[in-house]
Amino acid sequence: MAAPKILVVDEQPINVQLLKRKLEREHVAVVTAHSGQEALAQVATEKPDLILLDRMMSDRDGIEVCRRLPAQESTRSIRVEDRPGGGMVATLLHPVEKRYRHSTDV
């Protein structure tokens, strides 16, 4: 079974790196983006299973990214978890760990 692929999107590099490291330790494939525009490009090429998205970014914010995903059949079913501002790491890390825990972990 292939590892789930998660796209982590935040314009704060430290937030992206913290989530990336933690998720990779849980055997999750991680793709990153630092802007809404970059996120849309990564979605088109990487086809992630889940997007962890910062809602407040300076170029294309997370709300606009979420509006664009349902417009195409290929991205309509991608699940998006979004949180405002710097709270993404704290509020998403725990639920993501449980949802994508490796199948051999108990």
N, C-alpha and C. Protein backbone atom coordinates (compact mmCIF):
# COMPACT_ATOMS: atom_id res chain seq x y z
N MET A 1 0.84 -1.17 0.00
CA MET A 1 0.00 0.00 0.00
C MET A 1 0.89 1.25 0.00
N ALA A 2 0.61 2.17 -0.88
CA ALA A 2 1.40 3.39 -0.99
C ALA A 2 1.12 4.31 0.20
N ALA A 3 2.15 5.01 0.61
CA ALA A 3 2.00 5.98 1.70
C ALA A 3 1.09 7.11 1.25
N PRO A 4 0.28 7.64 2.17
CA PRO A 4 -0.54 8.80 1.79
C PRO A 4 0.36 9.98 1.44
N LYS A 5 -0.10 10.82 0.53
CA LYS A 5 0.66 11.99 0.13
C LYS A 5 -0.08 13.23 0.62
N ILE A 6 0.63 14.06 1.39
CA ILE A 6 0.04 15.27 1.95
C ILE A 6 0.80 16.49 1.43
N LEU A 7 0.04 17.47 0.98
CA LEU A 7 0.60 18.76 0.57
C LEU A 7 0.47 19.71 1.75
N VAL A 8 1.61 20.22 2.24
CA VAL A 8 1.64 21.19 3.34
C VAL A 8 1.89 22.56 2.74
N VAL A 9 0.97 23.50 3.02
CA VAL A 9 1.05 24.84 2.43
C VAL A 9 1.03 25.90 3.52
N ASP A 10 2.10 26.67 3.61
CA ASP A 10 2.19 27.77 4.56
C ASP A 10 3.31 28.67 4.08
N GLU A 11 3.15 29.98 4.17
CA GLU A 11 4.22 30.87 3.74
C GLU A 11 5.31 31.01 4.78
N GLN A 12 5.10 30.45 5.97
CA GLN A 12 6.13 30.45 7.01
C GLN A 12 6.95 29.17 6.88
N PRO A 13 8.19 29.26 6.43
CA PRO A 13 9.01 28.05 6.20
C PRO A 13 9.15 27.16 7.44
N ILE A 14 9.21 27.75 8.62
CA ILE A 14 9.37 26.93 9.83
C ILE A 14 8.14 26.04 10.05
N ASN A 15 6.94 26.56 9.78
CA ASN A 15 5.73 25.75 9.92
C ASN A 15 5.74 24.58 8.94
N VAL A 16 6.15 24.85 7.72
CA VAL A 16 6.22 23.80 6.70
C VAL A 16 7.22 22.72 7.12
N GLN A 17 8.39 23.13 7.58
CA GLN A 17 9.42 22.16 7.95
C GLN A 17 9.02 21.32 9.16
N LEU A 18 8.38 21.95 10.15
CA LEU A 18 7.95 21.20 11.33
C LEU A 18 6.96 20.11 10.95
N LEU A 19 5.97 20.47 10.17
CA LEU A 19 4.98 19.47 9.75
C LEU A 19 5.60 18.41 8.85
N LYS A 20 6.45 18.83 7.95
CA LYS A 20 7.09 17.89 7.02
C LYS A 20 7.89 16.83 7.78
N ARG A 21 8.70 17.27 8.72
CA ARG A 21 9.51 16.32 9.50
C ARG A 21 8.65 15.35 10.29
N LYS A 22 7.63 15.88 10.95
CA LYS A 22 6.76 15.03 11.76
C LYS A 22 6.01 14.01 10.89
N LEU A 23 5.46 14.46 9.80
CA LEU A 23 4.72 13.56 8.92
C LEU A 23 5.62 12.50 8.28
N GLU A 24 6.81 12.88 7.90
CA GLU A 24 7.73 11.90 7.31
C GLU A 24 8.12 10.83 8.31
N ARG A 25 8.21 11.18 9.59
CA ARG A 25 8.48 10.15 10.61
C ARG A 25 7.32 9.18 10.74
N GLU A 26 6.14 9.60 10.30
CA GLU A 26 4.95 8.74 10.32
C GLU A 26 4.75 8.01 8.98
N HIS A 27 5.77 8.02 8.14
CA HIS A 27 5.76 7.33 6.84
C HIS A 27 4.75 7.92 5.87
N VAL A 28 4.63 9.23 5.89
CA VAL A 28 3.74 9.95 4.98
C VAL A 28 4.61 10.66 3.95
N ALA A 29 4.23 10.58 2.69
CA ALA A 29 4.93 11.32 1.64
C ALA A 29 4.46 12.78 1.73
N VAL A 30 5.41 13.71 1.76
CA VAL A 30 5.07 15.12 1.95
C VAL A 30 5.57 15.95 0.77
N VAL A 31 4.67 16.78 0.28
CA VAL A 31 4.98 17.76 -0.76
C VAL A 31 4.72 19.12 -0.10
N THR A 32 5.52 20.13 -0.44
CA THR A 32 5.35 21.42 0.22
C THR A 32 5.14 22.55 -0.78
N ALA A 33 4.52 23.61 -0.26
CA ALA A 33 4.34 24.84 -1.03
C ALA A 33 4.33 26.00 -0.04
N HIS A 34 4.77 27.15 -0.51
CA HIS A 34 4.86 28.32 0.37
C HIS A 34 3.93 29.45 -0.06
N SER A 35 3.04 29.17 -1.00
CA SER A 35 2.08 30.18 -1.44
C SER A 35 0.88 29.46 -2.06
N GLY A 36 -0.20 30.20 -2.20
CA GLY A 36 -1.38 29.63 -2.84
C GLY A 36 -1.12 29.24 -4.28
N GLN A 37 -0.41 30.09 -5.00
CA GLN A 37 -0.08 29.80 -6.41
C GLN A 37 0.76 28.53 -6.52
N GLU A 38 1.76 28.41 -5.65
CA GLU A 38 2.60 27.22 -5.65
C GLU A 38 1.78 25.98 -5.26
N ALA A 39 0.83 26.16 -4.34
CA ALA A 39 -0.02 25.04 -3.92
C ALA A 39 -0.84 24.52 -5.09
N LEU A 40 -1.43 25.42 -5.86
CA LEU A 40 -2.22 24.99 -7.02
C LEU A 40 -1.36 24.26 -8.04
N ALA A 41 -0.14 24.71 -8.23
CA ALA A 41 0.77 24.01 -9.15
C ALA A 41 1.11 22.62 -8.63
N GLN A 42 1.36 22.50 -7.33
CA GLN A 42 1.70 21.21 -6.74
C GLN A 42 0.51 20.24 -6.81
N VAL A 43 -0.69 20.76 -6.60
CA VAL A 43 -1.88 19.91 -6.70
C VAL A 43 -1.98 19.31 -8.10
N ALA A 44 -1.72 20.14 -9.11
CA ALA A 44 -1.83 19.68 -10.49
C ALA A 44 -0.82 18.58 -10.81
N THR A 45 0.38 18.69 -10.28
CA THR A 45 1.41 17.71 -10.62
C THR A 45 1.52 16.55 -9.65
N GLU A 46 1.27 16.78 -8.37
CA GLU A 46 1.50 15.76 -7.34
C GLU A 46 0.28 14.95 -6.94
N LYS A 47 -0.92 15.47 -7.17
CA LYS A 47 -2.17 14.78 -6.81
C LYS A 47 -2.16 14.29 -5.36
N PRO A 48 -2.09 15.19 -4.38
CA PRO A 48 -2.05 14.76 -2.98
C PRO A 48 -3.38 14.18 -2.51
N ASP A 49 -3.31 13.38 -1.45
CA ASP A 49 -4.51 12.82 -0.84
C ASP A 49 -5.16 13.81 0.11
N LEU A 50 -4.35 14.69 0.68
CA LEU A 50 -4.82 15.66 1.67
C LEU A 50 -3.97 16.92 1.54
N ILE A 51 -4.59 18.07 1.78
CA ILE A 51 -3.87 19.34 1.78
C ILE A 51 -4.02 19.97 3.15
N LEU A 52 -2.90 20.27 3.79
CA LEU A 52 -2.89 21.04 5.03
C LEU A 52 -2.56 22.46 4.63
N LEU A 53 -3.51 23.36 4.79
CA LEU A 53 -3.45 24.66 4.16
C LEU A 53 -3.61 25.80 5.16
N ASP A 54 -2.67 26.74 5.15
CA ASP A 54 -2.80 27.95 5.94
C ASP A 54 -3.80 28.86 5.24
N ARG A 55 -4.80 29.28 5.93
CA ARG A 55 -5.85 30.10 5.33
C ARG A 55 -5.36 31.53 5.01
N MET A 56 -4.43 32.05 5.78
CA MET A 56 -4.00 33.44 5.63
C MET A 56 -2.61 33.52 5.00
N MET A 57 -2.57 33.74 3.71
CA MET A 57 -1.30 33.93 3.00
C MET A 57 -1.40 35.19 2.17
N SER A 58 -0.25 35.74 1.80
CA SER A 58 -0.27 37.06 1.17
C SER A 58 -0.63 37.06 -0.31
N ASP A 59 -0.32 36.02 -1.06
CA ASP A 59 -0.64 36.07 -2.50
C ASP A 59 -2.03 35.50 -2.76
N ARG A 60 -2.14 34.24 -2.98
CA ARG A 60 -3.45 33.58 -3.09
C ARG A 60 -3.69 32.92 -1.75
N ASP A 61 -4.67 33.41 -1.04
CA ASP A 61 -4.90 32.84 0.28
C ASP A 61 -5.56 31.47 0.19
N GLY A 62 -5.62 30.79 1.33
CA GLY A 62 -6.18 29.45 1.36
C GLY A 62 -7.63 29.37 0.91
N ILE A 63 -8.37 30.43 1.17
CA ILE A 63 -9.78 30.44 0.76
C ILE A 63 -9.89 30.39 -0.76
N GLU A 64 -9.06 31.15 -1.45
CA GLU A 64 -9.09 31.12 -2.92
C GLU A 64 -8.64 29.76 -3.45
N VAL A 65 -7.64 29.17 -2.81
CA VAL A 65 -7.19 27.83 -3.22
C VAL A 65 -8.35 26.85 -3.07
N CYS A 66 -9.06 26.92 -1.95
CA CYS A 66 -10.20 26.02 -1.73
C CYS A 66 -11.32 26.24 -2.74
N ARG A 67 -11.49 27.45 -3.20
CA ARG A 67 -12.52 27.74 -4.20
C ARG A 67 -12.16 27.14 -5.56
N ARG A 68 -10.89 27.08 -5.85
CA ARG A 68 -10.45 26.59 -7.17
C ARG A 68 -10.45 25.07 -7.28
N LEU A 69 -10.24 24.37 -6.18
CA LEU A 69 -10.14 22.91 -6.24
C LEU A 69 -11.39 22.22 -6.77
N PRO A 70 -12.59 22.62 -6.35
CA PRO A 70 -13.78 21.93 -6.87
C PRO A 70 -14.08 22.23 -8.34
N ALA A 71 -13.40 23.20 -8.92
CA ALA A 71 -13.67 23.58 -10.30
C ALA A 71 -13.23 22.51 -11.30
N GLN A 72 -12.32 21.65 -10.90
CA GLN A 72 -11.83 20.61 -11.81
C GLN A 72 -12.16 19.23 -11.25
N GLU A 73 -12.55 18.36 -12.11
CA GLU A 73 -12.90 16.99 -11.71
C GLU A 73 -11.73 16.30 -11.01
N SER A 74 -10.52 16.51 -11.48
CA SER A 74 -9.35 15.82 -10.93
C SER A 74 -8.98 16.28 -9.53
N THR A 75 -9.44 17.47 -9.09
CA THR A 75 -9.09 17.97 -7.76
C THR A 75 -10.29 18.08 -6.83
N ARG A 76 -11.44 17.79 -7.33
CA ARG A 76 -12.68 17.95 -6.56
C ARG A 76 -12.71 17.12 -5.28
N SER A 77 -12.14 15.95 -5.30
CA SER A 77 -12.25 15.05 -4.15
C SER A 77 -11.10 15.17 -3.14
N ILE A 78 -10.16 16.06 -3.37
CA ILE A 78 -9.03 16.21 -2.45
C ILE A 78 -9.52 16.88 -1.17
N ARG A 79 -9.24 16.25 -0.06
CA ARG A 79 -9.63 16.78 1.24
C ARG A 79 -8.68 17.90 1.64
N VAL A 80 -9.24 18.97 2.21
CA VAL A 80 -8.44 20.12 2.65
C VAL A 80 -8.73 20.39 4.11
N GLU A 81 -7.66 20.53 4.89
CA GLU A 81 -7.76 20.95 6.28
C GLU A 81 -7.13 22.33 6.32
N ASP A 82 -7.90 23.32 6.74
CA ASP A 82 -7.33 24.67 6.81
C ASP A 82 -7.56 25.28 8.18
N ARG A 83 -6.62 26.11 8.57
CA ARG A 83 -6.68 26.81 9.83
C ARG A 83 -6.12 28.21 9.61
N PRO A 84 -6.64 29.19 10.35
CA PRO A 84 -6.13 30.55 10.20
C PRO A 84 -4.75 30.71 10.81
N GLY A 85 -3.94 31.51 10.15
CA GLY A 85 -2.65 31.94 10.69
C GLY A 85 -1.74 30.85 11.18
N GLY A 86 -0.96 31.17 12.22
CA GLY A 86 0.06 30.28 12.75
C GLY A 86 -0.45 29.11 13.54
N GLY A 87 -1.75 28.95 13.69
CA GLY A 87 -2.28 27.85 14.47
C GLY A 87 -2.29 26.52 13.74
N MET A 88 -1.90 26.50 12.48
CA MET A 88 -1.99 25.28 11.69
C MET A 88 -1.18 24.15 12.31
N VAL A 89 0.04 24.41 12.71
CA VAL A 89 0.88 23.35 13.25
C VAL A 89 0.27 22.76 14.50
N ALA A 90 -0.12 23.60 15.44
CA ALA A 90 -0.65 23.12 16.72
C ALA A 90 -1.98 22.40 16.57
N THR A 91 -2.87 22.90 15.73
CA THR A 91 -4.20 22.32 15.66
C THR A 91 -4.29 21.12 14.73
N LEU A 92 -3.39 20.99 13.79
CA LEU A 92 -3.48 19.89 12.83
C LEU A 92 -2.57 18.72 13.13
N LEU A 93 -1.48 18.94 13.82
CA LEU A 93 -0.49 17.89 14.00
C LEU A 93 -1.08 16.66 14.68
N HIS A 94 -1.79 16.82 15.76
CA HIS A 94 -2.33 15.68 16.49
C HIS A 94 -3.36 14.90 15.66
N PRO A 95 -4.39 15.55 15.07
CA PRO A 95 -5.35 14.78 14.27
C PRO A 95 -4.73 14.09 13.06
N VAL A 96 -3.76 14.72 12.43
CA VAL A 96 -3.12 14.11 11.26
C VAL A 96 -2.36 12.87 11.68
N GLU A 97 -1.70 12.90 12.82
CA GLU A 97 -0.98 11.73 13.30
C GLU A 97 -1.92 10.54 13.42
N LYS A 98 -3.08 10.76 14.02
CA LYS A 98 -4.02 9.66 14.20
C LYS A 98 -4.59 9.16 12.88
N ARG A 99 -4.91 10.06 11.99
CA ARG A 99 -5.57 9.68 10.75
C ARG A 99 -4.64 8.91 9.82
N TYR A 100 -3.37 9.26 9.82
CA TYR A 100 -2.43 8.62 8.88
C TYR A 100 -1.38 7.78 9.57
N ARG A 101 -1.68 7.26 10.74
CA ARG A 101 -0.73 6.41 11.43
C ARG A 101 -0.46 5.17 10.59
N HIS A 102 0.78 4.76 10.57
CA HIS A 102 1.18 3.60 9.79
C HIS A 102 0.37 2.38 10.23
N SER A 103 -0.04 1.55 9.31
CA SER A 103 -0.94 0.43 9.61
C SER A 103 -0.36 -0.58 10.58
N THR A 104 0.97 -0.65 10.74
CA THR A 104 1.55 -1.60 11.67
C THR A 104 1.63 -1.03 13.08
N ASP A 105 1.39 0.28 13.26
CA ASP A 105 1.41 0.89 14.58
C ASP A 105 0.12 0.54 15.32
N VAL A 106 0.25 0.36 16.61
CA VAL A 106 -0.94 0.06 17.43
C VAL A 106 -1.14 1.15 18.44
